[in-house]
Amino acid sequence: MLVAKIGVQYVAPYLSQMNLHDIDAHTEISLLRSMKEQYGFQTKLMIASIQSISDVTHAANIGVSAATLSPSCLKEWLSGHELTQKITDIFAEHFSSFAQNHGCDLFATLA
């Protein structure tokens, strides 16, 4: 959190890399969140490279500001919520022409 002292907007620990190197990512991220609160830093915590639904849940439970998910994790998460999946499908249908014209492949990934 040293970068918080210079006023950066976000700090983004890469959860998958922490796990890959046998670092207890959940504990480290919880500590970062605690330090942010304890010292009153305005820097937001964005967890990057989330690979599992349990990691999404952990990030939400500790109150992170933002997260990045792998396409497979996002698809799994959406498939677990019927109404969310239905609304996402409707949005994707309406938004698909814009996405195609602007090179966005998110909806192809979710299909």
PDB file of N, CA and C in Angstrom:
ATOM      1  N   MET A   1       0.815  -1.198   0.000  1.00  0.00           N
ATOM      2  CA  MET A   1       0.000   0.000   0.000  1.00  0.00           C
ATOM      3  C   MET A   1       0.859   1.262   0.000  1.00  0.00           C
ATOM      4  N   LEU A   2       2.146   1.117  -0.211  1.00  0.00           N
ATOM      5  CA  LEU A   2       2.998   2.304  -0.311  1.00  0.00           C
ATOM      6  C   LEU A   2       2.522   3.244  -1.406  1.00  0.00           C
ATOM      7  N   VAL A   3       2.014   2.685  -2.504  1.00  0.00           N
ATOM      8  CA  VAL A   3       1.554   3.529  -3.605  1.00  0.00           C
ATOM      9  C   VAL A   3       0.357   4.376  -3.202  1.00  0.00           C
ATOM     10  N   ALA A   4      -0.378   3.958  -2.196  1.00  0.00           N
ATOM     11  CA  ALA A   4      -1.516   4.752  -1.716  1.00  0.00           C
ATOM     12  C   ALA A   4      -1.037   6.091  -1.164  1.00  0.00           C
ATOM     13  N   LYS A   5       0.175   6.119  -0.633  1.00  0.00           N
ATOM     14  CA  LYS A   5       0.733   7.363  -0.087  1.00  0.00           C
ATOM     15  C   LYS A   5       0.945   8.422  -1.164  1.00  0.00           C
ATOM     16  N   ILE A   6       1.137   7.992  -2.419  1.00  0.00           N
ATOM     17  CA  ILE A   6       1.329   8.971  -3.490  1.00  0.00           C
ATOM     18  C   ILE A   6       0.031   9.260  -4.240  1.00  0.00           C
ATOM     19  N   GLY A   7      -1.063   8.671  -3.773  1.00  0.00           N
ATOM     20  CA  GLY A   7      -2.376   9.026  -4.294  1.00  0.00           C
ATOM     21  C   GLY A   7      -2.859   8.294  -5.531  1.00  0.00           C
ATOM     22  N   VAL A   8      -2.333   7.103  -5.807  1.00  0.00           N
ATOM     23  CA  VAL A   8      -2.845   6.364  -6.963  1.00  0.00           C
ATOM     24  C   VAL A   8      -4.311   6.013  -6.738  1.00  0.00           C
ATOM     25  N   GLN A   9      -5.065   5.910  -7.838  1.00  0.00           N
ATOM     26  CA  GLN A   9      -6.497   5.623  -7.710  1.00  0.00           C
ATOM     27  C   GLN A   9      -6.769   4.174  -7.342  1.00  0.00           C
ATOM     28  N   TYR A  10      -6.032   3.247  -7.939  1.00  0.00           N
ATOM     29  CA  TYR A  10      -6.263   1.819  -7.708  1.00  0.00           C
ATOM     30  C   TYR A  10      -4.957   1.098  -7.433  1.00  0.00           C
ATOM     31  N   VAL A  11      -5.028   0.079  -6.605  1.00  0.00           N
ATOM     32  CA  VAL A  11      -3.964  -0.895  -6.457  1.00  0.00           C
ATOM     33  C   VAL A  11      -4.602  -2.228  -6.846  1.00  0.00           C
ATOM     34  N   ALA A  12      -3.879  -3.025  -7.653  1.00  0.00           N
ATOM     35  CA  ALA A  12      -4.480  -4.232  -8.217  1.00  0.00           C
ATOM     36  C   ALA A  12      -3.608  -5.464  -7.999  1.00  0.00           C
ATOM     37  N   PRO A  13      -3.723  -6.102  -6.852  1.00  0.00           N
ATOM     38  CA  PRO A  13      -3.000  -7.357  -6.662  1.00  0.00           C
ATOM     39  C   PRO A  13      -3.585  -8.442  -7.574  1.00  0.00           C
ATOM     40  N   TYR A  14      -2.708  -9.208  -8.198  1.00  0.00           N
ATOM     41  CA  TYR A  14      -3.130 -10.275  -9.106  1.00  0.00           C
ATOM     42  C   TYR A  14      -3.313 -11.564  -8.314  1.00  0.00           C
ATOM     43  N   LEU A  15      -4.546 -11.885  -8.063  1.00  0.00           N
ATOM     44  CA  LEU A  15      -4.884 -13.018  -7.214  1.00  0.00           C
ATOM     45  C   LEU A  15      -4.338 -14.331  -7.772  1.00  0.00           C
ATOM     46  N   SER A  16      -4.488 -14.563  -9.063  1.00  0.00           N
ATOM     47  CA  SER A  16      -4.020 -15.833  -9.635  1.00  0.00           C
ATOM     48  C   SER A  16      -2.506 -15.978  -9.496  1.00  0.00           C
ATOM     49  N   GLN A  17      -1.767 -14.884  -9.629  1.00  0.00           N
ATOM     50  CA  GLN A  17      -0.312 -14.943  -9.479  1.00  0.00           C
ATOM     51  C   GLN A  17       0.079 -15.210  -8.027  1.00  0.00           C
ATOM     52  N   MET A  18      -0.661 -14.621  -7.108  1.00  0.00           N
ATOM     53  CA  MET A  18      -0.384 -14.877  -5.694  1.00  0.00           C
ATOM     54  C   MET A  18      -0.579 -16.362  -5.392  1.00  0.00           C
ATOM     55  N   ASN A  19      -1.686 -16.914  -5.875  1.00  0.00           N
ATOM     56  CA  ASN A  19      -1.956 -18.334  -5.652  1.00  0.00           C
ATOM     57  C   ASN A  19      -0.891 -19.207  -6.304  1.00  0.00           C
ATOM     58  N   LEU A  20      -0.464 -18.835  -7.498  1.00  0.00           N
ATOM     59  CA  LEU A  20       0.544 -19.591  -8.236  1.00  0.00           C
ATOM     60  C   LEU A  20       1.866 -19.660  -7.470  1.00  0.00           C
ATOM     61  N   HIS A  21       2.170 -18.622  -6.708  1.00  0.00           N
ATOM     62  CA  HIS A  21       3.423 -18.556  -5.955  1.00  0.00           C
ATOM     63  C   HIS A  21       3.236 -18.896  -4.480  1.00  0.00           C
ATOM     64  N   ASP A  22       2.182 -19.657  -4.190  1.00  0.00           N
ATOM     65  CA  ASP A  22       1.904 -20.144  -2.831  1.00  0.00           C
ATOM     66  C   ASP A  22       1.779 -19.036  -1.793  1.00  0.00           C
ATOM     67  N   ILE A  23       1.229 -17.910  -2.207  1.00  0.00           N
ATOM     68  CA  ILE A  23       0.924 -16.820  -1.282  1.00  0.00           C
ATOM     69  C   ILE A  23      -0.549 -16.942  -0.924  1.00  0.00           C
ATOM     70  N   ASP A  24      -0.878 -16.844   0.341  1.00  0.00           N
ATOM     71  CA  ASP A  24      -2.277 -16.908   0.769  1.00  0.00           C
ATOM     72  C   ASP A  24      -2.972 -15.624   0.332  1.00  0.00           C
ATOM     73  N   ALA A  25      -3.516 -15.646  -0.873  1.00  0.00           N
ATOM     74  CA  ALA A  25      -4.077 -14.447  -1.491  1.00  0.00           C
ATOM     75  C   ALA A  25      -5.216 -13.851  -0.673  1.00  0.00           C
ATOM     76  N   HIS A  26      -6.091 -14.688  -0.138  1.00  0.00           N
ATOM     77  CA  HIS A  26      -7.224 -14.157   0.631  1.00  0.00           C
ATOM     78  C   HIS A  26      -6.747 -13.394   1.861  1.00  0.00           C
ATOM     79  N   THR A  27      -5.753 -13.936   2.543  1.00  0.00           N
ATOM     80  CA  THR A  27      -5.214 -13.254   3.722  1.00  0.00           C
ATOM     81  C   THR A  27      -4.540 -11.944   3.324  1.00  0.00           C
ATOM     82  N   GLU A  28      -3.732 -11.974   2.272  1.00  0.00           N
ATOM     83  CA  GLU A  28      -3.031 -10.764   1.831  1.00  0.00           C
ATOM     84  C   GLU A  28      -4.009  -9.668   1.410  1.00  0.00           C
ATOM     85  N   ILE A  29      -5.040 -10.042   0.683  1.00  0.00           N
ATOM     86  CA  ILE A  29      -6.021  -9.059   0.221  1.00  0.00           C
ATOM     87  C   ILE A  29      -6.807  -8.500   1.397  1.00  0.00           C
ATOM     88  N   SER A  30      -7.137  -9.351   2.347  1.00  0.00           N
ATOM     89  CA  SER A  30      -7.813  -8.869   3.558  1.00  0.00           C
ATOM     90  C   SER A  30      -6.931  -7.885   4.318  1.00  0.00           C
ATOM     91  N   LEU A  31      -5.627  -8.170   4.379  1.00  0.00           N
ATOM     92  CA  LEU A  31      -4.694  -7.251   5.041  1.00  0.00           C
ATOM     93  C   LEU A  31      -4.620  -5.913   4.307  1.00  0.00           C
ATOM     94  N   LEU A  32      -4.578  -5.952   2.981  1.00  0.00           N
ATOM     95  CA  LEU A  32      -4.567  -4.707   2.201  1.00  0.00           C
ATOM     96  C   LEU A  32      -5.819  -3.884   2.485  1.00  0.00           C
ATOM     97  N   ARG A  33      -6.948  -4.553   2.539  1.00  0.00           N
ATOM     98  CA  ARG A  33      -8.217  -3.865   2.817  1.00  0.00           C
ATOM     99  C   ARG A  33      -8.182  -3.243   4.217  1.00  0.00           C
ATOM    100  N   SER A  34      -7.676  -3.975   5.184  1.00  0.00           N
ATOM    101  CA  SER A  34      -7.577  -3.456   6.553  1.00  0.00           C
ATOM    102  C   SER A  34      -6.648  -2.249   6.627  1.00  0.00           C
ATOM    103  N   MET A  35      -5.509  -2.318   5.945  1.00  0.00           N
ATOM    104  CA  MET A  35      -4.562  -1.197   5.942  1.00  0.00           C
ATOM    105  C   MET A  35      -5.185   0.030   5.299  1.00  0.00           C
ATOM    106  N   LYS A  36      -5.924  -0.186   4.232  1.00  0.00           N
ATOM    107  CA  LYS A  36      -6.600   0.923   3.554  1.00  0.00           C
ATOM    108  C   LYS A  36      -7.532   1.644   4.524  1.00  0.00           C
ATOM    109  N   GLU A  37      -8.287   0.879   5.264  1.00  0.00           N
ATOM    110  CA  GLU A  37      -9.222   1.465   6.230  1.00  0.00           C
ATOM    111  C   GLU A  37      -8.488   2.108   7.407  1.00  0.00           C
ATOM    112  N   GLN A  38      -7.511   1.396   7.951  1.00  0.00           N
ATOM    113  CA  GLN A  38      -6.787   1.878   9.128  1.00  0.00           C
ATOM    114  C   GLN A  38      -6.105   3.217   8.873  1.00  0.00           C
ATOM    115  N   TYR A  39      -5.526   3.379   7.690  1.00  0.00           N
ATOM    116  CA  TYR A  39      -4.787   4.605   7.395  1.00  0.00           C
ATOM    117  C   TYR A  39      -5.589   5.624   6.597  1.00  0.00           C
ATOM    118  N   GLY A  40      -6.829   5.296   6.287  1.00  0.00           N
ATOM    119  CA  GLY A  40      -7.698   6.237   5.587  1.00  0.00           C
ATOM    120  C   GLY A  40      -7.291   6.524   4.152  1.00  0.00           C
ATOM    121  N   PHE A  41      -6.632   5.563   3.509  1.00  0.00           N
ATOM    122  CA  PHE A  41      -6.228   5.749   2.119  1.00  0.00           C
ATOM    123  C   PHE A  41      -7.455   5.816   1.216  1.00  0.00           C
ATOM    124  N   GLN A  42      -7.413   6.700   0.235  1.00  0.00           N
ATOM    125  CA  GLN A  42      -8.496   6.811  -0.740  1.00  0.00           C
ATOM    126  C   GLN A  42      -8.309   5.838  -1.911  1.00  0.00           C
ATOM    127  N   THR A  43      -7.134   5.256  -2.022  1.00  0.00           N
ATOM    128  CA  THR A  43      -6.850   4.298  -3.085  1.00  0.00           C
ATOM    129  C   THR A  43      -7.846   3.148  -3.016  1.00  0.00           C
ATOM    130  N   LYS A  44      -8.366   2.774  -4.189  1.00  0.00           N
ATOM    131  CA  LYS A  44      -9.334   1.680  -4.262  1.00  0.00           C
ATOM    132  C   LYS A  44      -8.599   0.370  -4.516  1.00  0.00           C
ATOM    133  N   LEU A  45      -9.171  -0.689  -3.994  1.00  0.00           N
ATOM    134  CA  LEU A  45      -8.597  -2.021  -4.133  1.00  0.00           C
ATOM    135  C   LEU A  45      -9.333  -2.769  -5.245  1.00  0.00           C
ATOM    136  N   MET A  46      -8.602  -3.120  -6.307  1.00  0.00           N
ATOM    137  CA  MET A  46      -9.169  -3.888  -7.411  1.00  0.00           C
ATOM    138  C   MET A  46      -8.430  -5.218  -7.485  1.00  0.00           C
ATOM    139  N   ILE A  47      -9.143  -6.287  -7.287  1.00  0.00           N
ATOM    140  CA  ILE A  47      -8.531  -7.608  -7.350  1.00  0.00           C
ATOM    141  C   ILE A  47      -8.503  -8.048  -8.809  1.00  0.00           C
ATOM    142  N   ALA A  48      -7.317  -8.344  -9.304  1.00  0.00           N
ATOM    143  CA  ALA A  48      -7.160  -8.704 -10.716  1.00  0.00           C
ATOM    144  C   ALA A  48      -7.007 -10.211 -10.887  1.00  0.00           C
ATOM    145  N   SER A  49      -7.456 -10.684 -12.035  1.00  0.00           N
ATOM    146  CA  SER A  49      -7.239 -12.068 -12.467  1.00  0.00           C
ATOM    147  C   SER A  49      -7.914 -13.095 -11.557  1.00  0.00           C
ATOM    148  N   ILE A  50      -9.170 -12.849 -11.246  1.00  0.00           N
ATOM    149  CA  ILE A  50      -9.946 -13.806 -10.447  1.00  0.00           C
ATOM    150  C   ILE A  50     -10.316 -14.988 -11.336  1.00  0.00           C
ATOM    151  N   GLN A  51     -10.113 -16.192 -10.808  1.00  0.00           N
ATOM    152  CA  GLN A  51     -10.337 -17.412 -11.583  1.00  0.00           C
ATOM    153  C   GLN A  51     -11.475 -18.283 -11.054  1.00  0.00           C
ATOM    154  N   SER A  52     -12.031 -17.969  -9.882  1.00  0.00           N
ATOM    155  CA  SER A  52     -13.066 -18.839  -9.315  1.00  0.00           C
ATOM    156  C   SER A  52     -14.172 -18.028  -8.645  1.00  0.00           C
ATOM    157  N   ILE A  53     -15.333 -18.645  -8.558  1.00  0.00           N
ATOM    158  CA  ILE A  53     -16.481 -18.008  -7.925  1.00  0.00           C
ATOM    159  C   ILE A  53     -16.210 -17.774  -6.437  1.00  0.00           C
ATOM    160  N   SER A  54     -15.506 -18.685  -5.785  1.00  0.00           N
ATOM    161  CA  SER A  54     -15.208 -18.481  -4.362  1.00  0.00           C
ATOM    162  C   SER A  54     -14.339 -17.236  -4.164  1.00  0.00           C
ATOM    163  N   ASP A  55     -13.458 -16.947  -5.121  1.00  0.00           N
ATOM    164  CA  ASP A  55     -12.644 -15.729  -5.032  1.00  0.00           C
ATOM    165  C   ASP A  55     -13.489 -14.478  -5.258  1.00  0.00           C
ATOM    166  N   VAL A  56     -14.482 -14.567  -6.150  1.00  0.00           N
ATOM    167  CA  VAL A  56     -15.416 -13.449  -6.350  1.00  0.00           C
ATOM    168  C   VAL A  56     -16.151 -13.176  -5.046  1.00  0.00           C
ATOM    169  N   THR A  57     -16.632 -14.234  -4.418  1.00  0.00           N
ATOM    170  CA  THR A  57     -17.368 -14.108  -3.156  1.00  0.00           C
ATOM    171  C   THR A  57     -16.494 -13.491  -2.075  1.00  0.00           C
ATOM    172  N   HIS A  58     -15.259 -13.947  -1.971  1.00  0.00           N
ATOM    173  CA  HIS A  58     -14.350 -13.394  -0.965  1.00  0.00           C
ATOM    174  C   HIS A  58     -14.119 -11.910  -1.213  1.00  0.00           C
ATOM    175  N   ALA A  59     -13.867 -11.543  -2.462  1.00  0.00           N
ATOM    176  CA  ALA A  59     -13.635 -10.131  -2.795  1.00  0.00           C
ATOM    177  C   ALA A  59     -14.847  -9.282  -2.431  1.00  0.00           C
ATOM    178  N   ALA A  60     -16.028  -9.783  -2.739  1.00  0.00           N
ATOM    179  CA  ALA A  60     -17.250  -9.042  -2.410  1.00  0.00           C
ATOM    180  C   ALA A  60     -17.437  -8.931  -0.901  1.00  0.00           C
ATOM    181  N   ASN A  61     -17.165 -10.002  -0.190  1.00  0.00           N
ATOM    182  CA  ASN A  61     -17.357 -10.000   1.266  1.00  0.00           C
ATOM    183  C   ASN A  61     -16.438  -9.028   1.992  1.00  0.00           C
ATOM    184  N   ILE A  62     -15.237  -8.815   1.474  1.00  0.00           N
ATOM    185  CA  ILE A  62     -14.349  -7.869   2.156  1.00  0.00           C
ATOM    186  C   ILE A  62     -14.502  -6.454   1.619  1.00  0.00           C
ATOM    187  N   GLY A  63     -15.336  -6.290   0.582  1.00  0.00           N
ATOM    188  CA  GLY A  63     -15.656  -4.950   0.109  1.00  0.00           C
ATOM    189  C   GLY A  63     -14.655  -4.325  -0.835  1.00  0.00           C
ATOM    190  N   VAL A  64     -14.068  -5.122  -1.736  1.00  0.00           N
ATOM    191  CA  VAL A  64     -13.166  -4.521  -2.715  1.00  0.00           C
ATOM    192  C   VAL A  64     -13.957  -3.628  -3.668  1.00  0.00           C
ATOM    193  N   SER A  65     -13.289  -2.661  -4.254  1.00  0.00           N
ATOM    194  CA  SER A  65     -13.952  -1.688  -5.127  1.00  0.00           C
ATOM    195  C   SER A  65     -14.225  -2.228  -6.519  1.00  0.00           C
ATOM    196  N   ALA A  66     -13.353  -3.104  -7.014  1.00  0.00           N
ATOM    197  CA  ALA A  66     -13.490  -3.612  -8.380  1.00  0.00           C
ATOM    198  C   ALA A  66     -12.741  -4.934  -8.496  1.00  0.00           C
ATOM    199  N   ALA A  67     -13.040  -5.650  -9.571  1.00  0.00           N
ATOM    200  CA  ALA A  67     -12.370  -6.924  -9.809  1.00  0.00           C
ATOM    201  C   ALA A  67     -12.339  -7.211 -11.300  1.00  0.00           C
ATOM    202  N   THR A  68     -11.354  -8.001 -11.710  1.00  0.00           N
ATOM    203  CA  THR A  68     -11.337  -8.519 -13.074  1.00  0.00           C
ATOM    204  C   THR A  68     -11.456 -10.030 -12.978  1.00  0.00           C
ATOM    205  N   LEU A  69     -12.286 -10.589 -13.838  1.00  0.00           N
ATOM    206  CA  LEU A  69     -12.540 -12.026 -13.832  1.00  0.00           C
ATOM    207  C   LEU A  69     -12.132 -12.626 -15.164  1.00  0.00           C
ATOM    208  N   SER A  70     -11.700 -13.872 -15.126  1.00  0.00           N
ATOM    209  CA  SER A  70     -11.438 -14.578 -16.378  1.00  0.00           C
ATOM    210  C   SER A  70     -12.778 -14.791 -17.081  1.00  0.00           C
ATOM    211  N   PRO A  71     -12.780 -14.892 -18.409  1.00  0.00           N
ATOM    212  CA  PRO A  71     -14.041 -15.133 -19.119  1.00  0.00           C
ATOM    213  C   PRO A  71     -14.771 -16.381 -18.626  1.00  0.00           C
ATOM    214  N   SER A  72     -14.033 -17.450 -18.334  1.00  0.00           N
ATOM    215  CA  SER A  72     -14.689 -18.675 -17.862  1.00  0.00           C
ATOM    216  C   SER A  72     -15.331 -18.471 -16.492  1.00  0.00           C
ATOM    217  N   CYS A  73     -14.683 -17.702 -15.631  1.00  0.00           N
ATOM    218  CA  CYS A  73     -15.246 -17.414 -14.306  1.00  0.00           C
ATOM    219  C   CYS A  73     -16.502 -16.556 -14.434  1.00  0.00           C
ATOM    220  N   LEU A  74     -16.453 -15.557 -15.301  1.00  0.00           N
ATOM    221  CA  LEU A  74     -17.623 -14.707 -15.516  1.00  0.00           C
ATOM    222  C   LEU A  74     -18.788 -15.526 -16.055  1.00  0.00           C
ATOM    223  N   LYS A  75     -18.514 -16.390 -17.010  1.00  0.00           N
ATOM    224  CA  LYS A  75     -19.565 -17.234 -17.588  1.00  0.00           C
ATOM    225  C   LYS A  75     -20.163 -18.150 -16.521  1.00  0.00           C
ATOM    226  N   GLU A  76     -19.314 -18.755 -15.703  1.00  0.00           N
ATOM    227  CA  GLU A  76     -19.791 -19.630 -14.624  1.00  0.00           C
ATOM    228  C   GLU A  76     -20.644 -18.852 -13.633  1.00  0.00           C
ATOM    229  N   TRP A  77     -20.194 -17.666 -13.287  1.00  0.00           N
ATOM    230  CA  TRP A  77     -20.922 -16.832 -12.332  1.00  0.00           C
ATOM    231  C   TRP A  77     -22.300 -16.473 -12.870  1.00  0.00           C
ATOM    232  N   LEU A  78     -22.359 -16.052 -14.128  1.00  0.00           N
ATOM    233  CA  LEU A  78     -23.640 -15.683 -14.728  1.00  0.00           C
ATOM    234  C   LEU A  78     -24.566 -16.880 -14.872  1.00  0.00           C
ATOM    235  N   SER A  79     -24.008 -18.046 -15.170  1.00  0.00           N
ATOM    236  CA  SER A  79     -24.849 -19.224 -15.368  1.00  0.00           C
ATOM    237  C   SER A  79     -25.499 -19.684 -14.070  1.00  0.00           C
ATOM    238  N   GLY A  80     -24.960 -19.266 -12.948  1.00  0.00           N
ATOM    239  CA  GLY A  80     -25.531 -19.641 -11.657  1.00  0.00           C
ATOM    240  C   GLY A  80     -26.712 -18.788 -11.237  1.00  0.00           C
ATOM    241  N   HIS A  81     -27.039 -17.776 -12.022  1.00  0.00           N
ATOM    242  CA  HIS A  81     -28.139 -16.869 -11.692  1.00  0.00           C
ATOM    243  C   HIS A  81     -29.050 -16.753 -12.907  1.00  0.00           C
ATOM    244  N   GLU A  82     -30.164 -17.462 -12.869  1.00  0.00           N
ATOM    245  CA  GLU A  82     -31.044 -17.562 -14.031  1.00  0.00           C
ATOM    246  C   GLU A  82     -31.505 -16.202 -14.552  1.00  0.00           C
ATOM    247  N   LEU A  83     -31.983 -15.327 -13.675  1.00  0.00           N
ATOM    248  CA  LEU A  83     -32.476 -14.027 -14.123  1.00  0.00           C
ATOM    249  C   LEU A  83     -31.335 -13.172 -14.676  1.00  0.00           C
ATOM    250  N   THR A  84     -30.186 -13.202 -14.013  1.00  0.00           N
ATOM    251  CA  THR A  84     -29.031 -12.454 -14.504  1.00  0.00           C
ATOM    252  C   THR A  84     -28.643 -12.943 -15.892  1.00  0.00           C
ATOM    253  N   GLN A  85     -28.634 -14.258 -16.088  1.00  0.00           N
ATOM    254  CA  GLN A  85     -28.295 -14.812 -17.402  1.00  0.00           C
ATOM    255  C   GLN A  85     -29.312 -14.382 -18.448  1.00  0.00           C
ATOM    256  N   LYS A  86     -30.590 -14.395 -18.086  1.00  0.00           N
ATOM    257  CA  LYS A  86     -31.643 -13.996 -19.026  1.00  0.00           C
ATOM    258  C   LYS A  86     -31.468 -12.534 -19.447  1.00  0.00           C
ATOM    259  N   ILE A  87     -31.240 -11.650 -18.482  1.00  0.00           N
ATOM    260  CA  ILE A  87     -31.063 -10.224 -18.776  1.00  0.00           C
ATOM    261  C   ILE A  87     -29.781 -10.004 -19.580  1.00  0.00           C
ATOM    262  N   THR A  88     -28.721 -10.739 -19.242  1.00  0.00           N
ATOM    263  CA  THR A  88     -27.472 -10.637 -19.994  1.00  0.00           C
ATOM    264  C   THR A  88     -27.679 -11.057 -21.442  1.00  0.00           C
ATOM    265  N   ASP A  89     -28.439 -12.120 -21.661  1.00  0.00           N
ATOM    266  CA  ASP A  89     -28.724 -12.576 -23.024  1.00  0.00           C
ATOM    267  C   ASP A  89     -29.497 -11.520 -23.808  1.00  0.00           C
ATOM    268  N   ILE A  90     -30.484 -10.897 -23.169  1.00  0.00           N
ATOM    269  CA  ILE A  90     -31.265  -9.840 -23.825  1.00  0.00           C
ATOM    270  C   ILE A  90     -30.360  -8.659 -24.165  1.00  0.00           C
ATOM    271  N   PHE A  91     -29.544  -8.242 -23.205  1.00  0.00           N
ATOM    272  CA  PHE A  91     -28.617  -7.134 -23.443  1.00  0.00           C
ATOM    273  C   PHE A  91     -27.659  -7.472 -24.582  1.00  0.00           C
ATOM    274  N   ALA A  92     -27.112  -8.680 -24.554  1.00  0.00           N
ATOM    275  CA  ALA A  92     -26.168  -9.099 -25.593  1.00  0.00           C
ATOM    276  C   ALA A  92     -26.821  -9.068 -26.967  1.00  0.00           C
ATOM    277  N   GLU A  93     -28.067  -9.501 -27.031  1.00  0.00           N
ATOM    278  CA  GLU A  93     -28.790  -9.492 -28.305  1.00  0.00           C
ATOM    279  C   GLU A  93     -28.939  -8.065 -28.832  1.00  0.00           C
ATOM    280  N   HIS A  94     -29.329  -7.144 -27.969  1.00  0.00           N
ATOM    281  CA  HIS A  94     -29.534  -5.755 -28.376  1.00  0.00           C
ATOM    282  C   HIS A  94     -28.217  -5.027 -28.654  1.00  0.00           C
ATOM    283  N   PHE A  95     -27.173  -5.431 -27.977  1.00  0.00           N
ATOM    284  CA  PHE A  95     -25.892  -4.735 -28.051  1.00  0.00           C
ATOM    285  C   PHE A  95     -24.942  -5.342 -29.086  1.00  0.00           C
ATOM    286  N   SER A  96     -25.305  -6.488 -29.643  1.00  0.00           N
ATOM    287  CA  SER A  96     -24.369  -7.239 -30.481  1.00  0.00           C
ATOM    288  C   SER A  96     -23.879  -6.461 -31.695  1.00  0.00           C
ATOM    289  N   SER A  97     -24.747  -5.681 -32.344  1.00  0.00           N
ATOM    290  CA  SER A  97     -24.285  -4.941 -33.526  1.00  0.00           C
ATOM    291  C   SER A  97     -23.236  -3.899 -33.142  1.00  0.00           C
ATOM    292  N   PHE A  98     -23.440  -3.216 -32.027  1.00  0.00           N
ATOM    293  CA  PHE A  98     -22.440  -2.258 -31.553  1.00  0.00           C
ATOM    294  C   PHE A  98     -21.132  -2.984 -31.248  1.00  0.00           C
ATOM    295  N   ALA A  99     -21.239  -4.107 -30.563  1.00  0.00           N
ATOM    296  CA  ALA A  99     -20.048  -4.867 -30.185  1.00  0.00           C
ATOM    297  C   ALA A  99     -19.273  -5.311 -31.420  1.00  0.00           C
ATOM    298  N   GLN A 100     -19.980  -5.789 -32.436  1.00  0.00           N
ATOM    299  CA  GLN A 100     -19.311  -6.234 -33.662  1.00  0.00           C
ATOM    300  C   GLN A 100     -18.624  -5.070 -34.363  1.00  0.00           C
ATOM    301  N   ASN A 101     -19.276  -3.924 -34.399  1.00  0.00           N
ATOM    302  CA  ASN A 101     -18.709  -2.752 -35.070  1.00  0.00           C
ATOM    303  C   ASN A 101     -17.508  -2.168 -34.341  1.00  0.00           C
ATOM    304  N   HIS A 102     -17.378  -2.484 -33.063  1.00  0.00           N
ATOM    305  CA  HIS A 102     -16.292  -1.909 -32.269  1.00  0.00           C
ATOM    306  C   HIS A 102     -15.290  -2.962 -31.776  1.00  0.00           C
ATOM    307  N   GLY A 103     -15.361  -4.147 -32.340  1.00  0.00           N
ATOM    308  CA  GLY A 103     -14.379  -5.181 -32.015  1.00  0.00           C
ATOM    309  C   GLY A 103     -14.478  -5.742 -30.615  1.00  0.00           C
ATOM    310  N   CYS A 104     -15.641  -5.671 -30.016  1.00  0.00           N
ATOM    311  CA  CYS A 104     -15.826  -6.186 -28.656  1.00  0.00           C
ATOM    312  C   CYS A 104     -16.204  -7.659 -28.738  1.00  0.00           C
ATOM    313  N   ASP A 105     -15.448  -8.524 -28.080  1.00  0.00           N
ATOM    314  CA  ASP A 105     -15.742  -9.950 -28.140  1.00  0.00           C
ATOM    315  C   ASP A 105     -16.319 -10.502 -26.843  1.00  0.00           C
ATOM    316  N   LEU A 106     -16.706  -9.634 -25.926  1.00  0.00           N
ATOM    317  CA  LEU A 106     -17.240 -10.084 -24.642  1.00  0.00           C
ATOM    318  C   LEU A 106     -18.431 -10.999 -24.835  1.00  0.00           C
ATOM    319  N   PHE A 107     -19.343 -10.615 -25.702  1.00  0.00           N
ATOM    320  CA  PHE A 107     -20.563 -11.394 -25.838  1.00  0.00           C
ATOM    321  C   PHE A 107     -20.314 -12.711 -26.558  1.00  0.00           C
ATOM    322  N   ALA A 108     -19.328 -12.752 -27.421  1.00  0.00           N
ATOM    323  CA  ALA A 108     -18.953 -14.022 -28.041  1.00  0.00           C
ATOM    324  C   ALA A 108     -18.412 -14.963 -26.972  1.00  0.00           C
ATOM    325  N   THR A 109     -17.687 -14.415 -26.020  1.00  0.00           N
ATOM    326  CA  THR A 109     -17.136 -15.202 -24.925  1.00  0.00           C
ATOM    327  C   THR A 109     -18.237 -15.756 -24.040  1.00  0.00           C
ATOM    328  N   LEU A 110     -19.282 -14.971 -23.821  1.00  0.00           N
ATOM    329  CA  LEU A 110     -20.361 -15.381 -22.928  1.00  0.00           C
ATOM    330  C   LEU A 110     -21.379 -16.281 -23.606  1.00  0.00           C
ATOM    331  N   ALA A 111     -21.390 -16.329 -24.913  1.00  0.00           N
ATOM    332  CA  ALA A 111     -22.394 -17.111 -25.648  1.00  0.00           C
ATOM    333  C   ALA A 111     -22.202 -18.593 -25.438  1.00  0.00           C
TER     334      ALA A 111
END
